[in-house]
């Protein structure tokens, strides 16, 4: 936990503002570009509307429910893609559904988003910073840190189980 706080204070002390904005891309790319504080109500609505417009697509078992905002389905769909290598439309759709749940303060979705970003195999100069910002954003808003720690243990177990199945 101390390491997370130290990294967060390093990030907070950046001399440059975050280099990406929502106007730089479409909502399906925001999960890999924007930190939590970059999402205003307008961006949240745009993301939700984008996901709703994709509801007719059937990609995998969990995706339709994930697109409708089901956090468990979004987590399952995202974990099925790990480790992330190349980013394609399917990855952007699934990860955007996970982002949508994380923006609704679903702690598990935030943890999984943070974990997937930190372990992604694609090249992104700020992926570790972005991962840490998602983690600390939700750590700072959790009213009961013990509950968050229990959720973190459950997510880590699920990730271990997923890696064991691979």
C-alpha atoms as a PDB file:
ATOM      1  CA  UNK A   1       0.000   0.000   0.000  1.00  0.00           C
ATOM      2  CA  UNK A   2       2.896   2.355   0.794  1.00  0.00           C
ATOM      3  CA  UNK A   3       4.282   1.823  -2.725  1.00  0.00           C
ATOM      4  CA  UNK A   4       0.934   2.779  -4.246  1.00  0.00           C
ATOM      5  CA  UNK A   5       0.839   5.997  -2.194  1.00  0.00           C
ATOM      6  CA  UNK A   6       4.418   6.854  -3.194  1.00  0.00           C
ATOM      7  CA  UNK A   7       3.728   6.239  -6.882  1.00  0.00           C
ATOM      8  CA  UNK A   8       0.493   8.221  -6.651  1.00  0.00           C
ATOM      9  CA  UNK A   9       2.310  11.203  -5.136  1.00  0.00           C
ATOM     10  CA  UNK A  10       4.908  10.979  -7.917  1.00  0.00           C
ATOM     11  CA  UNK A  11       2.115  10.995 -10.492  1.00  0.00           C
ATOM     12  CA  UNK A  12       0.350  13.871  -8.742  1.00  0.00           C
ATOM     13  CA  UNK A  13       3.579  15.847  -8.886  1.00  0.00           C
ATOM     14  CA  UNK A  14       3.866  15.575 -12.678  1.00  0.00           C
ATOM     15  CA  UNK A  15       5.082  18.789 -14.201  1.00  0.00           C
ATOM     16  CA  UNK A  16       3.035  18.158 -17.350  1.00  0.00           C
ATOM     17  CA  UNK A  17      -0.728  17.853 -17.506  1.00  0.00           C
ATOM     18  CA  UNK A  18      -2.151  14.525 -18.685  1.00  0.00           C
ATOM     19  CA  UNK A  19      -1.265  14.400 -22.403  1.00  0.00           C
ATOM     20  CA  UNK A  20      -4.580  12.979 -23.653  1.00  0.00           C
ATOM     21  CA  UNK A  21      -8.133  14.320 -23.630  1.00  0.00           C
ATOM     22  CA  UNK A  22     -11.481  12.814 -24.566  1.00  0.00           C
ATOM     23  CA  UNK A  23     -11.490  14.864 -27.783  1.00  0.00           C
ATOM     24  CA  UNK A  24      -8.379  13.001 -28.959  1.00  0.00           C
ATOM     25  CA  UNK A  25     -10.267   9.791 -29.731  1.00  0.00           C
ATOM     26  CA  UNK A  26     -13.613   8.032 -29.703  1.00  0.00           C
ATOM     27  CA  UNK A  27     -15.098   6.697 -26.443  1.00  0.00           C
ATOM     28  CA  UNK A  28     -13.975   3.135 -27.147  1.00  0.00           C
ATOM     29  CA  UNK A  29     -10.337   4.193 -26.762  1.00  0.00           C
ATOM     30  CA  UNK A  30     -10.771   6.157 -23.522  1.00  0.00           C
ATOM     31  CA  UNK A  31     -10.051   3.159 -21.261  1.00  0.00           C
ATOM     32  CA  UNK A  32      -6.418   3.191 -22.421  1.00  0.00           C
ATOM     33  CA  UNK A  33      -6.024   6.966 -22.592  1.00  0.00           C
ATOM     34  CA  UNK A  34      -7.766   8.776 -19.758  1.00  0.00           C
ATOM     35  CA  UNK A  35      -7.377   8.860 -15.977  1.00  0.00           C
ATOM     36  CA  UNK A  36     -10.456   8.792 -13.726  1.00  0.00           C
ATOM     37  CA  UNK A  37     -10.561  12.544 -13.178  1.00  0.00           C
ATOM     38  CA  UNK A  38     -10.840  13.186 -16.933  1.00  0.00           C
ATOM     39  CA  UNK A  39     -14.412  11.893 -17.023  1.00  0.00           C
ATOM     40  CA  UNK A  40     -17.076  14.555 -16.651  1.00  0.00           C
ATOM     41  CA  UNK A  41     -20.774  13.748 -16.737  1.00  0.00           C
ATOM     42  CA  UNK A  42     -20.712  14.414 -20.486  1.00  0.00           C
ATOM     43  CA  UNK A  43     -17.983  11.830 -21.139  1.00  0.00           C
ATOM     44  CA  UNK A  44     -19.775   9.296 -18.957  1.00  0.00           C
ATOM     45  CA  UNK A  45     -22.963   9.827 -20.978  1.00  0.00           C
ATOM     46  CA  UNK A  46     -21.048   9.559 -24.271  1.00  0.00           C
ATOM     47  CA  UNK A  47     -19.452   6.309 -23.156  1.00  0.00           C
ATOM     48  CA  UNK A  48     -22.795   4.857 -22.058  1.00  0.00           C
ATOM     49  CA  UNK A  49     -24.473   5.892 -25.317  1.00  0.00           C
ATOM     50  CA  UNK A  50     -21.644   4.369 -27.337  1.00  0.00           C
ATOM     51  CA  UNK A  51     -21.960   1.073 -25.490  1.00  0.00           C
ATOM     52  CA  UNK A  52     -25.744   1.072 -25.902  1.00  0.00           C
ATOM     53  CA  UNK A  53     -25.348   1.539 -29.644  1.00  0.00           C
ATOM     54  CA  UNK A  54     -23.199  -1.605 -29.721  1.00  0.00           C
ATOM     55  CA  UNK A  55     -25.758  -3.749 -27.905  1.00  0.00           C
ATOM     56  CA  UNK A  56     -26.744  -5.433 -31.175  1.00  0.00           C
ATOM     57  CA  UNK A  57     -23.296  -6.993 -31.496  1.00  0.00           C
ATOM     58  CA  UNK A  58     -22.761 -10.481 -30.118  1.00  0.00           C
ATOM     59  CA  UNK A  59     -19.072 -10.977 -29.477  1.00  0.00           C
ATOM     60  CA  UNK A  60     -18.794 -13.483 -26.597  1.00  0.00           C
ATOM     61  CA  UNK A  61     -21.079 -14.832 -23.887  1.00  0.00           C
ATOM     62  CA  UNK A  62     -20.531 -12.020 -21.366  1.00  0.00           C
ATOM     63  CA  UNK A  63     -20.336  -9.071 -23.738  1.00  0.00           C
ATOM     64  CA  UNK A  64     -24.066  -8.344 -24.197  1.00  0.00           C
ATOM     65  CA  UNK A  65     -24.583  -8.183 -20.406  1.00  0.00           C
ATOM     66  CA  UNK A  66     -21.357  -6.179 -19.994  1.00  0.00           C
ATOM     67  CA  UNK A  67     -22.573  -3.632 -22.529  1.00  0.00           C
ATOM     68  CA  UNK A  68     -25.739  -3.215 -20.464  1.00  0.00           C
ATOM     69  CA  UNK A  69     -23.646  -2.353 -17.390  1.00  0.00           C
ATOM     70  CA  UNK A  70     -23.373  -5.698 -15.587  1.00  0.00           C
ATOM     71  CA  UNK A  71     -20.075  -5.418 -13.649  1.00  0.00           C
ATOM     72  CA  UNK A  72     -19.611  -9.187 -13.195  1.00  0.00           C
ATOM     73  CA  UNK A  73     -20.072  -9.757 -16.928  1.00  0.00           C
ATOM     74  CA  UNK A  74     -17.690  -6.897 -17.756  1.00  0.00           C
ATOM     75  CA  UNK A  75     -15.049  -8.312 -15.410  1.00  0.00           C
ATOM     76  CA  UNK A  76     -15.440 -11.829 -16.829  1.00  0.00           C
ATOM     77  CA  UNK A  77     -15.276 -10.576 -20.415  1.00  0.00           C
ATOM     78  CA  UNK A  78     -12.173  -8.475 -19.680  1.00  0.00           C
ATOM     79  CA  UNK A  79     -10.388 -11.299 -17.869  1.00  0.00           C
ATOM     80  CA  UNK A  80     -11.061 -13.598 -20.825  1.00  0.00           C
ATOM     81  CA  UNK A  81      -8.877 -11.299 -22.951  1.00  0.00           C
ATOM     82  CA  UNK A  82      -5.824 -11.324 -20.695  1.00  0.00           C
ATOM     83  CA  UNK A  83      -3.018 -10.845 -21.159  1.00  0.00           C
ATOM     84  CA  UNK A  84      -3.772  -7.990 -23.526  1.00  0.00           C
ATOM     85  CA  UNK A  85      -1.459  -7.861 -26.506  1.00  0.00           C
ATOM     86  CA  UNK A  86      -2.755  -6.124 -29.587  1.00  0.00           C
ATOM     87  CA  UNK A  87      -5.687  -3.789 -29.150  1.00  0.00           C
ATOM     88  CA  UNK A  88      -8.481  -4.370 -31.625  1.00  0.00           C
ATOM     89  CA  UNK A  89     -12.175  -3.482 -31.757  1.00  0.00           C
ATOM     90  CA  UNK A  90     -13.178  -6.449 -29.571  1.00  0.00           C
ATOM     91  CA  UNK A  91     -10.688  -5.420 -26.872  1.00  0.00           C
ATOM     92  CA  UNK A  92     -11.842  -1.791 -27.016  1.00  0.00           C
ATOM     93  CA  UNK A  93     -15.492  -2.840 -26.659  1.00  0.00           C
ATOM     94  CA  UNK A  94     -14.908  -5.153 -23.706  1.00  0.00           C
ATOM     95  CA  UNK A  95     -12.539  -2.792 -21.909  1.00  0.00           C
ATOM     96  CA  UNK A  96     -14.908   0.130 -22.469  1.00  0.00           C
ATOM     97  CA  UNK A  97     -17.676  -1.869 -20.801  1.00  0.00           C
ATOM     98  CA  UNK A  98     -15.305  -2.465 -17.868  1.00  0.00           C
ATOM     99  CA  UNK A  99     -14.436   1.257 -17.796  1.00  0.00           C
ATOM    100  CA  UNK A 100     -18.138   2.133 -17.716  1.00  0.00           C
ATOM    101  CA  UNK A 101     -18.577  -0.050 -14.612  1.00  0.00           C
ATOM    102  CA  UNK A 102     -15.454   1.411 -12.982  1.00  0.00           C
ATOM    103  CA  UNK A 103     -16.813   4.922 -13.557  1.00  0.00           C
ATOM    104  CA  UNK A 104     -19.917   3.890 -11.644  1.00  0.00           C
ATOM    105  CA  UNK A 105     -17.590   3.204  -8.683  1.00  0.00           C
ATOM    106  CA  UNK A 106     -17.664  -0.578  -8.979  1.00  0.00           C
ATOM    107  CA  UNK A 107     -14.545  -1.468  -6.967  1.00  0.00           C
ATOM    108  CA  UNK A 108     -14.005  -4.835  -8.655  1.00  0.00           C
ATOM    109  CA  UNK A 109     -14.193  -3.299 -12.129  1.00  0.00           C
ATOM    110  CA  UNK A 110     -11.680  -0.634 -11.060  1.00  0.00           C
ATOM    111  CA  UNK A 111      -9.283  -3.233  -9.696  1.00  0.00           C
ATOM    112  CA  UNK A 112      -9.515  -5.364 -12.805  1.00  0.00           C
ATOM    113  CA  UNK A 113      -9.070  -2.318 -15.057  1.00  0.00           C
ATOM    114  CA  UNK A 114      -6.001  -1.326 -13.061  1.00  0.00           C
ATOM    115  CA  UNK A 115      -4.600  -4.857 -13.153  1.00  0.00           C
ATOM    116  CA  UNK A 116      -5.170  -5.338 -16.880  1.00  0.00           C
ATOM    117  CA  UNK A 117      -3.580  -1.988 -17.714  1.00  0.00           C
ATOM    118  CA  UNK A 118      -0.520  -2.696 -15.588  1.00  0.00           C
ATOM    119  CA  UNK A 119      -0.003  -6.119 -17.172  1.00  0.00           C
ATOM    120  CA  UNK A 120      -0.918  -5.260 -20.753  1.00  0.00           C
ATOM    121  CA  UNK A 121       1.641  -6.277 -23.322  1.00  0.00           C
ATOM    122  CA  UNK A 122       0.914  -3.404 -25.706  1.00  0.00           C
ATOM    123  CA  UNK A 123       3.245  -0.423 -25.781  1.00  0.00           C
ATOM    124  CA  UNK A 124       1.860   2.643 -24.012  1.00  0.00           C
ATOM    125  CA  UNK A 125       4.173   5.162 -22.332  1.00  0.00           C
ATOM    126  CA  UNK A 126       1.737   5.919 -19.482  1.00  0.00           C
ATOM    127  CA  UNK A 127       0.032   2.571 -18.853  1.00  0.00           C
ATOM    128  CA  UNK A 128       1.561   2.094 -15.377  1.00  0.00           C
ATOM    129  CA  UNK A 129       0.635   5.644 -14.357  1.00  0.00           C
ATOM    130  CA  UNK A 130      -2.862   5.150 -15.735  1.00  0.00           C
ATOM    131  CA  UNK A 131      -3.190   1.838 -13.904  1.00  0.00           C
ATOM    132  CA  UNK A 132      -2.101   3.428 -10.631  1.00  0.00           C
ATOM    133  CA  UNK A 133      -4.442   6.368 -11.044  1.00  0.00           C
ATOM    134  CA  UNK A 134      -7.400   4.008 -11.488  1.00  0.00           C
ATOM    135  CA  UNK A 135      -6.394   2.046  -8.412  1.00  0.00           C
ATOM    136  CA  UNK A 136      -5.827   5.044  -6.169  1.00  0.00           C
ATOM    137  CA  UNK A 137      -8.956   6.825  -7.393  1.00  0.00           C
ATOM    138  CA  UNK A 138     -11.087   4.036  -6.011  1.00  0.00           C
ATOM    139  CA  UNK A 139      -8.946   3.430  -2.933  1.00  0.00           C
ATOM    140  CA  UNK A 140      -9.493   7.065  -1.976  1.00  0.00           C
ATOM    141  CA  UNK A 141     -13.256   6.801  -2.345  1.00  0.00           C
ATOM    142  CA  UNK A 142     -13.772   3.556  -0.480  1.00  0.00           C
ATOM    143  CA  UNK A 143     -15.478   4.191   2.838  1.00  0.00           C
ATOM    144  CA  UNK A 144     -14.346   0.964   4.448  1.00  0.00           C
ATOM    145  CA  UNK A 145     -10.755   0.052   3.485  1.00  0.00           C
ATOM    146  CA  UNK A 146     -11.256  -3.463   4.911  1.00  0.00           C
ATOM    147  CA  UNK A 147     -14.033  -4.085   2.378  1.00  0.00           C
ATOM    148  CA  UNK A 148     -11.794  -2.892  -0.437  1.00  0.00           C
ATOM    149  CA  UNK A 149      -8.991  -5.174   0.791  1.00  0.00           C
ATOM    150  CA  UNK A 150     -11.409  -8.130   0.813  1.00  0.00           C
ATOM    151  CA  UNK A 151     -12.479  -7.284  -2.733  1.00  0.00           C
ATOM    152  CA  UNK A 152      -8.846  -7.012  -3.771  1.00  0.00           C
ATOM    153  CA  UNK A 153      -8.137 -10.495  -2.362  1.00  0.00           C
ATOM    154  CA  UNK A 154     -11.143 -11.899  -4.247  1.00  0.00           C
ATOM    155  CA  UNK A 155     -10.007 -10.259  -7.489  1.00  0.00           C
ATOM    156  CA  UNK A 156      -6.445 -11.521  -7.055  1.00  0.00           C
ATOM    157  CA  UNK A 157      -7.817 -15.028  -6.484  1.00  0.00           C
ATOM    158  CA  UNK A 158      -9.958 -14.764  -9.618  1.00  0.00           C
ATOM    159  CA  UNK A 159      -6.937 -13.578 -11.595  1.00  0.00           C
ATOM    160  CA  UNK A 160      -4.848 -16.462 -10.270  1.00  0.00           C
ATOM    161  CA  UNK A 161      -7.609 -18.915 -11.173  1.00  0.00           C
ATOM    162  CA  UNK A 162      -7.845 -17.399 -14.672  1.00  0.00           C
ATOM    163  CA  UNK A 163      -4.069 -17.703 -15.162  1.00  0.00           C
ATOM    164  CA  UNK A 164      -4.197 -21.300 -13.937  1.00  0.00           C
ATOM    165  CA  UNK A 165      -6.828 -22.154 -16.560  1.00  0.00           C
ATOM    166  CA  UNK A 166      -4.686 -20.750 -19.361  1.00  0.00           C
END
